[in-house]
Amino acid sequence: MKGCERLRDFYEILEVKRESTQTEIKSQYRKLAKKYHPDLNPGDEEAAEHFKEVNIAYEVLSDEKKRQMYDAYGEDGINGNAGSYGGGFGDIFGDIFDMFGQGFGGFGGYSEAEYRNRPIKGDDVRVDIIIDFKESIFGAKKDINVKRTETCKTCNGEGTAPGTHKHTCDKCNGTGKIRTTTSSPFGRFTQVSACDKCKGTGEIIDTPCPDCKGHGTRVVNKKITIDIPKGIDDKMILTLREEGDAGLNGGPAGDLYVYVRVKEDQIFKRMGNDLYMELPITYTDAVLGGSIKVPTLTKLVDYDIPAGTKSGATFRIRGEGVPYLRKDGKGDLVFKVDIHVPKKISDEEREILEELRKKEGKEIKKERETFLDKVKKFFE
């Protein structure tokens, strides 16, 4: 091209084949023009450049004479005939913005004005809380402070001072858009951007609401009481619908996400819905077996362990674990015994143990001799 950088192949830009029909070219053009339109990609310079390329490519390929010249001679063939098609884009499809409002069926079925003022859901808000282990097991009610936006009650979200109204922007005539026309080797090119005076709203507020400063919303600190369900686990998220930031143009509020952290307990460790703990027992309980007291979440229960229980042995009590979240039933309590050997004993206890050692000496001696025989064989 003369006076500008050469574009990529026009067929490549429109993502069509060289033998594509005009219907196929037009359909693909509309798809890409909508994809890269500046209104849908505010501040995206790369999208704006793609938008220009798409329009230049369509200007040529939509006209059979220009297309034939381009197919035969490339851009040089087009440059040689630039003076014959100076009508620009307005001659092809009129106002590109009107095409978005009508030819494309609008934005999701809206006209441009309706789309700009459509109800918009508010932003979601996140709050982090820390709860006790027991609260995660039995549930609780917690008061939390949420910083969020709410619709201004003074102006009902309009942004105007009481007794005043918005008026149509005189720079864009209420469209919210400014059209800038420039010339290219192929004619005139019109680019649409948001009006800088009304910030794309199409309306001007002369007297802003004194409470929200024209925003229509205010930032507040709101105290909300939430229900912590039984059985909630660490790092779970509670969702409160429409407790987030206020929506715009009558749209619903966003959601509130409560991220829950659970403090560790000194006795119980949780894995899923099962609880795990270590339970110290005496060496006499381990040797003799019998009933021992086991702490659960609500009470002490009796549990019979067998005689000769070894340190590290585990036992399970069904249904004494964590409640299932929002359904019936509980997990289990699993405890591992840790045989406690006292460092100090009374004279009476020592006398009893010495007598016991004498009585069990023969049996222990046989077991030791058998073990030593195995060791000797290992090293032979």
Protein backbone atom coordinates (compact mmCIF):
# COMPACT_ATOMS: atom_id res chain seq x y z
CA MET A 1 0.00 0.00 0.00
CA LYS A 2 1.08 3.58 -0.57
CA GLY A 3 1.81 5.57 2.54
CA CYS A 4 1.01 2.78 4.99
CA GLU A 5 2.17 -0.61 6.18
CA ARG A 6 1.09 -3.59 4.10
CA LEU A 7 -1.69 -5.70 5.58
CA ARG A 8 -1.82 -9.44 5.84
CA ASP A 9 -3.65 -11.33 3.12
CA PHE A 10 -7.26 -10.11 3.07
CA TYR A 11 -8.63 -13.65 2.92
CA GLU A 12 -6.49 -14.55 5.93
CA ILE A 13 -7.73 -11.51 7.82
CA LEU A 14 -11.38 -12.49 7.26
CA GLU A 15 -10.57 -16.18 7.85
CA VAL A 16 -12.23 -17.27 4.60
CA LYS A 17 -11.12 -19.29 1.59
CA ARG A 18 -10.35 -17.65 -1.76
CA GLU A 19 -13.32 -19.43 -3.32
CA SER A 20 -15.74 -18.26 -0.60
CA THR A 21 -19.05 -16.76 -1.74
CA GLN A 22 -20.14 -13.21 -0.96
CA THR A 23 -22.64 -14.60 1.55
CA GLU A 24 -19.87 -16.47 3.37
CA ILE A 25 -17.60 -13.42 3.31
CA LYS A 26 -20.33 -11.16 4.65
CA SER A 27 -21.24 -13.61 7.41
CA GLN A 28 -17.63 -14.00 8.52
CA TYR A 29 -17.09 -10.24 8.37
CA ARG A 30 -20.00 -9.59 10.70
CA LYS A 31 -18.71 -12.21 13.12
CA LEU A 32 -15.20 -10.72 13.24
CA ALA A 33 -16.38 -7.10 13.28
CA LYS A 34 -18.47 -7.84 16.33
CA LYS A 35 -15.62 -9.78 17.96
CA TYR A 36 -13.11 -6.92 17.61
CA HIS A 37 -15.48 -3.95 17.91
CA PRO A 38 -14.00 -1.22 20.18
CA ASP A 39 -17.20 -1.06 22.24
CA LEU A 40 -16.77 -4.68 23.23
CA ASN A 41 -13.02 -4.34 23.80
CA PRO A 42 -12.51 -0.98 25.54
CA GLY A 43 -8.86 -0.02 25.80
CA ASP A 44 -7.67 -3.03 23.76
CA GLU A 45 -5.41 -1.55 21.07
CA GLU A 46 -4.77 -4.94 19.47
CA ALA A 47 -8.51 -5.53 19.04
CA ALA A 48 -8.91 -2.05 17.56
CA GLU A 49 -6.17 -2.81 15.02
CA HIS A 50 -7.84 -6.11 14.10
CA PHE A 51 -11.11 -4.20 13.69
CA LYS A 52 -9.48 -1.83 11.18
CA GLU A 53 -7.93 -4.71 9.24
CA VAL A 54 -11.23 -6.57 9.07
CA ASN A 55 -13.04 -3.52 7.69
CA ILE A 56 -10.35 -2.80 5.08
CA ALA A 57 -10.35 -6.42 3.96
CA TYR A 58 -14.13 -6.49 3.71
CA GLU A 59 -14.17 -3.20 1.76
CA VAL A 60 -12.21 -4.95 -0.97
CA LEU A 61 -13.55 -8.52 -0.92
CA SER A 62 -17.20 -7.47 -0.74
CA ASP A 63 -16.87 -5.70 -4.11
CA GLU A 64 -16.41 -8.21 -6.94
CA LYS A 65 -14.45 -5.77 -9.15
CA LYS A 66 -12.05 -4.86 -6.35
CA ARG A 67 -11.83 -8.52 -5.39
CA GLN A 68 -10.86 -9.51 -8.93
CA MET A 69 -8.17 -6.82 -9.02
CA TYR A 70 -6.87 -7.95 -5.64
CA ASP A 71 -6.84 -11.62 -6.70
CA ALA A 72 -4.91 -10.71 -9.85
CA TYR A 73 -2.46 -8.08 -8.59
CA GLY A 74 -2.68 -8.05 -4.80
CA GLU A 75 -2.57 -4.73 -2.98
CA ASP A 76 -0.80 -3.06 -5.89
CA GLY A 77 -3.80 -3.71 -8.09
CA ILE A 78 -6.06 -2.13 -5.49
CA ASN A 79 -3.81 0.89 -5.03
CA GLY A 80 -3.97 1.60 -8.73
CA ASN A 81 -7.74 1.90 -8.53
CA ALA A 82 -7.98 3.63 -5.21
CA GLY A 83 -9.57 6.68 -6.75
CA SER A 84 -12.51 4.72 -8.07
CA TYR A 85 -13.95 3.68 -4.74
CA GLY A 86 -13.56 6.65 -2.44
CA GLY A 87 -17.06 6.34 -1.09
CA GLY A 88 -15.79 4.66 2.08
CA PHE A 89 -17.53 2.39 4.51
CA GLY A 90 -20.63 4.50 4.72
CA ASP A 91 -21.51 3.45 1.17
CA ILE A 92 -21.29 -0.23 2.06
CA PHE A 93 -23.25 -0.58 5.28
CA GLY A 94 -24.00 2.94 6.47
CA ASP A 95 -23.26 3.61 10.12
CA ILE A 96 -21.20 0.75 11.56
CA PHE A 97 -22.73 1.40 14.95
CA ASP A 98 -26.27 1.14 13.60
CA MET A 99 -25.27 -2.18 12.08
CA PHE A 100 -24.41 -3.42 15.57
CA GLY A 101 -27.74 -2.24 16.89
CA GLN A 102 -29.80 -3.62 14.01
CA GLY A 103 -27.94 -5.81 11.52
CA PHE A 104 -26.50 -8.02 14.27
CA GLY A 105 -29.70 -8.13 16.24
CA GLY A 106 -28.14 -5.83 18.82
CA PHE A 107 -26.13 -6.91 21.82
CA GLY A 108 -27.79 -10.14 22.90
CA GLY A 109 -31.14 -8.91 21.59
CA TYR A 110 -30.82 -5.36 22.97
CA SER A 111 -30.68 -2.18 20.97
CA GLU A 112 -27.54 -0.14 21.60
CA ALA A 113 -29.32 2.19 24.02
CA GLU A 114 -30.97 -0.71 25.83
CA TYR A 115 -27.66 -2.55 26.05
CA ARG A 116 -25.93 0.45 27.59
CA ASN A 117 -28.64 0.80 30.24
CA ARG A 118 -29.34 -2.90 30.73
CA PRO A 119 -29.51 -4.31 34.28
CA ILE A 120 -26.04 -5.39 35.40
CA LYS A 121 -25.37 -7.76 38.27
CA GLY A 122 -23.17 -6.35 41.03
CA ASP A 123 -19.68 -7.62 41.81
CA ASP A 124 -19.16 -10.56 44.13
CA VAL A 125 -17.57 -9.94 47.53
CA ARG A 126 -15.23 -12.20 49.53
CA VAL A 127 -14.93 -12.37 53.31
CA ASP A 128 -12.54 -14.61 55.28
CA ILE A 129 -13.47 -15.91 58.74
CA ILE A 130 -11.85 -18.19 61.33
CA ILE A 131 -14.03 -20.46 63.46
CA ASP A 132 -13.36 -22.80 66.38
CA PHE A 133 -13.13 -26.55 65.88
CA LYS A 134 -16.32 -27.13 67.89
CA GLU A 135 -18.20 -24.57 65.79
CA SER A 136 -17.27 -26.54 62.68
CA ILE A 137 -18.66 -29.71 64.27
CA PHE A 138 -21.87 -28.46 65.87
CA GLY A 139 -22.59 -25.41 63.71
CA ALA A 140 -23.00 -21.84 64.90
CA LYS A 141 -24.28 -18.37 64.10
CA LYS A 142 -21.57 -15.81 63.35
CA ASP A 143 -21.74 -12.05 62.87
CA ILE A 144 -19.46 -10.82 60.09
CA ASN A 145 -18.71 -7.33 58.79
CA VAL A 146 -18.95 -6.95 55.03
CA LYS A 147 -17.62 -3.97 53.10
CA ARG A 148 -19.81 -3.61 50.02
CA THR A 149 -21.65 -1.12 47.83
CA GLU A 150 -25.36 -0.51 48.25
CA THR A 151 -27.80 1.48 46.16
CA CYS A 152 -27.86 5.06 47.41
CA LYS A 153 -31.13 5.64 49.27
CA THR A 154 -30.98 9.39 48.76
CA CYS A 155 -31.14 9.24 44.95
CA ASN A 156 -32.40 5.64 44.54
CA GLY A 157 -29.37 4.85 42.41
CA GLU A 158 -29.90 7.69 39.92
CA GLY A 159 -26.82 9.64 41.00
CA THR A 160 -28.65 12.98 40.89
CA ALA A 161 -29.42 15.34 43.75
CA PRO A 162 -33.04 15.29 44.98
CA GLY A 163 -35.28 17.34 42.70
CA THR A 164 -32.85 17.23 39.77
CA HIS A 165 -32.56 15.00 36.73
CA LYS A 166 -30.04 13.80 34.19
CA HIS A 167 -30.06 15.34 30.73
CA THR A 168 -28.94 14.10 27.35
CA CYS A 169 -25.26 14.63 26.56
CA ASP A 170 -24.95 17.42 23.99
CA LYS A 171 -21.63 16.12 22.65
CA CYS A 172 -22.81 12.67 21.58
CA ASN A 173 -26.55 13.45 21.47
CA GLY A 174 -27.26 10.69 23.96
CA THR A 175 -25.62 7.89 22.02
CA GLY A 176 -22.64 7.65 24.36
CA LYS A 177 -20.43 7.34 21.27
CA ILE A 178 -18.17 9.62 19.29
CA ARG A 179 -17.42 8.87 15.62
CA THR A 180 -14.04 9.80 14.19
CA THR A 181 -13.63 9.62 10.41
CA THR A 182 -10.21 9.20 8.82
CA SER A 183 -9.09 8.56 5.26
CA SER A 184 -7.31 5.46 4.02
CA PRO A 185 -6.19 4.25 0.58
CA PHE A 186 -9.61 2.62 0.32
CA GLY A 187 -11.71 5.61 1.29
CA ARG A 188 -13.12 6.92 4.56
CA PHE A 189 -12.95 4.89 7.75
CA THR A 190 -15.17 5.65 10.76
CA GLN A 191 -14.07 4.60 14.23
CA VAL A 192 -16.50 4.66 17.15
CA SER A 193 -15.34 5.33 20.72
CA ALA A 194 -16.97 6.15 24.04
CA CYS A 195 -17.90 9.78 24.54
CA ASP A 196 -15.36 11.41 26.84
CA LYS A 197 -17.87 13.92 28.20
CA CYS A 198 -20.51 11.50 29.47
CA LYS A 199 -18.15 8.51 29.78
CA GLY A 200 -20.30 6.53 27.37
CA THR A 201 -23.53 6.84 29.35
CA GLY A 202 -25.24 9.28 26.98
CA GLU A 203 -26.39 11.32 29.97
CA ILE A 204 -24.97 14.20 32.01
CA ILE A 205 -25.48 14.81 35.73
CA ASP A 206 -25.27 18.55 36.45
CA THR A 207 -26.02 18.27 40.17
CA PRO A 208 -24.68 15.02 41.63
CA CYS A 209 -26.26 13.42 44.67
CA PRO A 210 -24.47 14.80 47.75
CA ASP A 211 -24.35 11.39 49.42
CA CYS A 212 -23.05 9.15 46.62
CA LYS A 213 -21.31 11.89 44.57
CA GLY A 214 -23.16 10.85 41.42
CA HIS A 215 -22.21 7.16 41.53
CA GLY A 216 -25.65 5.88 42.49
CA THR A 217 -24.08 3.57 45.08
CA ARG A 218 -22.35 4.00 48.42
CA VAL A 219 -19.70 1.94 50.19
CA VAL A 220 -20.98 0.70 53.54
CA ASN A 221 -19.90 -1.69 56.29
CA LYS A 222 -22.74 -4.12 56.82
CA LYS A 223 -23.07 -6.58 59.71
CA ILE A 224 -24.56 -9.86 58.53
CA THR A 225 -25.43 -12.91 60.63
CA ILE A 226 -24.57 -16.17 58.87
CA ASP A 227 -25.33 -19.78 59.75
CA ILE A 228 -22.31 -22.07 59.99
CA PRO A 229 -23.66 -25.54 59.11
CA LYS A 230 -22.76 -28.64 61.11
CA GLY A 231 -19.83 -30.53 59.65
CA ILE A 232 -18.26 -27.68 57.68
CA ASP A 233 -14.58 -28.33 56.98
CA ASP A 234 -11.50 -26.15 56.72
CA LYS A 235 -11.23 -24.11 53.47
CA MET A 236 -14.87 -24.60 52.53
CA ILE A 237 -16.78 -21.67 51.01
CA LEU A 238 -20.26 -20.50 51.99
CA THR A 239 -22.24 -18.65 49.32
CA LEU A 240 -24.85 -16.03 50.22
CA ARG A 241 -26.80 -15.01 47.14
CA GLU A 242 -27.22 -11.29 46.43
CA GLU A 243 -25.30 -10.17 49.53
CA GLY A 244 -22.47 -8.67 47.47
CA ASP A 245 -22.14 -5.29 45.76
CA ALA A 246 -25.26 -3.56 44.49
CA GLY A 247 -26.24 -4.07 40.86
CA LEU A 248 -26.57 -1.30 38.29
CA ASN A 249 -29.66 -0.15 36.41
CA GLY A 250 -31.87 -2.32 38.58
CA GLY A 251 -29.69 -5.40 38.24
CA PRO A 252 -29.36 -7.90 41.10
CA ALA A 253 -26.66 -7.61 43.73
CA GLY A 254 -23.59 -9.80 43.49
CA ASP A 255 -22.98 -12.75 45.79
CA LEU A 256 -21.06 -12.95 49.05
CA TYR A 257 -18.47 -15.71 49.36
CA VAL A 258 -17.40 -16.59 52.90
CA TYR A 259 -14.08 -18.47 53.01
CA VAL A 260 -13.95 -20.54 56.20
CA ARG A 261 -10.81 -21.51 58.11
CA VAL A 262 -11.09 -23.88 61.10
CA LYS A 263 -8.77 -23.75 64.10
CA GLU A 264 -6.97 -26.96 65.01
CA ASP A 265 -8.08 -28.88 68.11
CA GLN A 266 -5.70 -30.08 70.81
CA ILE A 267 -7.24 -33.56 71.00
CA PHE A 268 -8.93 -34.43 67.73
CA LYS A 269 -7.61 -34.41 64.17
CA ARG A 270 -10.12 -34.47 61.36
CA MET A 271 -9.79 -36.43 58.12
CA GLY A 272 -12.95 -36.22 56.07
CA ASN A 273 -15.76 -37.04 58.49
CA ASP A 274 -13.61 -39.26 60.72
CA LEU A 275 -11.85 -38.06 63.85
CA TYR A 276 -8.44 -39.32 64.96
CA MET A 277 -6.80 -39.09 68.36
CA GLU A 278 -4.06 -40.63 70.49
CA LEU A 279 -5.19 -42.05 73.83
CA PRO A 280 -2.68 -42.71 76.62
CA ILE A 281 -3.35 -45.89 78.65
CA THR A 282 -1.52 -47.51 81.54
CA TYR A 283 0.71 -50.51 81.05
CA THR A 284 -1.57 -52.50 83.35
CA ASP A 285 -4.55 -51.70 81.07
CA ALA A 286 -2.48 -52.80 78.09
CA VAL A 287 -1.49 -56.07 79.77
CA LEU A 288 -4.77 -56.91 81.44
CA GLY A 289 -7.17 -55.35 78.93
CA GLY A 290 -10.68 -54.34 79.97
CA SER A 291 -12.80 -51.21 79.91
CA ILE A 292 -11.19 -47.81 79.38
CA LYS A 293 -12.67 -44.31 79.11
CA VAL A 294 -12.53 -42.77 75.62
CA PRO A 295 -13.41 -39.08 75.04
CA THR A 296 -15.76 -38.31 72.14
CA LEU A 297 -17.10 -34.96 70.92
CA THR A 298 -19.90 -35.00 73.48
CA LYS A 299 -19.02 -37.38 76.32
CA LEU A 300 -16.78 -40.13 77.71
CA VAL A 301 -17.65 -43.62 76.54
CA ASP A 302 -16.52 -47.03 77.81
CA TYR A 303 -14.55 -49.17 75.39
CA ASP A 304 -13.15 -52.66 75.99
CA ILE A 305 -9.62 -53.29 74.77
CA PRO A 306 -8.17 -56.81 74.64
CA ALA A 307 -5.49 -58.07 77.01
CA GLY A 308 -1.99 -57.72 75.62
CA THR A 309 -2.76 -54.56 73.64
CA LYS A 310 0.40 -53.14 72.09
CA SER A 311 1.33 -49.49 71.91
CA GLY A 312 0.16 -48.01 68.60
CA ALA A 313 -2.84 -50.33 68.24
CA THR A 314 -5.88 -48.55 66.74
CA PHE A 315 -9.56 -48.96 67.50
CA ARG A 316 -12.69 -47.52 65.85
CA ILE A 317 -15.93 -46.32 67.42
CA ARG A 318 -18.69 -46.09 64.82
CA GLY A 319 -20.82 -42.95 64.54
CA GLU A 320 -18.77 -40.79 66.93
CA GLY A 321 -17.12 -38.67 64.25
CA VAL A 322 -18.10 -35.50 62.38
CA PRO A 323 -21.68 -34.98 61.15
CA TYR A 324 -22.07 -35.19 57.39
CA LEU A 325 -22.63 -31.78 55.83
CA ARG A 326 -26.34 -31.15 55.25
CA LYS A 327 -27.32 -34.82 55.54
CA ASP A 328 -27.87 -37.44 58.22
CA GLY A 329 -25.15 -39.58 59.72
CA LYS A 330 -21.69 -39.17 61.20
CA GLY A 331 -18.20 -40.45 60.59
CA ASP A 332 -16.21 -42.57 63.05
CA LEU A 333 -13.81 -41.91 65.90
CA VAL A 334 -10.48 -43.69 65.49
CA PHE A 335 -8.10 -43.74 68.45
CA LYS A 336 -4.56 -45.06 68.76
CA VAL A 337 -3.37 -46.21 72.16
CA ASP A 338 -0.11 -44.96 73.59
CA ILE A 339 1.09 -47.04 76.55
CA HIS A 340 2.23 -44.69 79.28
CA VAL A 341 5.30 -45.85 81.21
CA PRO A 342 5.75 -43.80 84.38
CA LYS A 343 9.17 -42.38 85.18
CA LYS A 344 8.54 -42.50 88.92
CA ILE A 345 6.71 -45.18 90.93
CA SER A 346 5.97 -45.64 94.62
CA ASP A 347 7.72 -48.19 96.81
CA GLU A 348 4.57 -50.28 96.90
CA GLU A 349 4.34 -50.30 93.09
CA ARG A 350 8.01 -51.22 92.83
CA GLU A 351 7.52 -54.15 95.22
CA ILE A 352 4.57 -55.44 93.19
CA LEU A 353 6.49 -55.12 89.91
CA GLU A 354 9.55 -56.88 91.34
CA GLU A 355 7.36 -59.75 92.42
CA LEU A 356 5.76 -59.81 88.96
CA ARG A 357 9.15 -59.88 87.29
CA LYS A 358 10.15 -62.94 89.32
CA LYS A 359 7.00 -64.78 88.33
CA GLU A 360 7.25 -63.95 84.63
CA GLY A 361 11.01 -64.42 84.49
CA LYS A 362 11.01 -68.00 83.20
CA GLU A 363 8.65 -67.22 80.30
CA ILE A 364 10.53 -64.05 79.35
CA LYS A 365 13.85 -65.92 79.56
CA LYS A 366 12.64 -68.50 77.05
CA GLU A 367 11.46 -65.78 74.64
CA ARG A 368 14.83 -63.98 74.90
CA GLU A 369 16.79 -67.20 74.33
CA THR A 370 14.70 -67.92 71.24
CA PHE A 371 15.31 -64.39 69.95
CA LEU A 372 19.09 -64.64 70.53
CA ASP A 373 19.19 -67.95 68.65
CA LYS A 374 17.59 -66.19 65.65
CA VAL A 375 20.18 -63.41 65.84
CA LYS A 376 23.07 -65.92 65.88
CA LYS A 377 21.69 -67.73 62.83
CA PHE A 378 21.37 -64.40 60.98
CA PHE A 379 25.10 -63.71 61.37
CA GLU A 380 26.29 -67.28 60.67
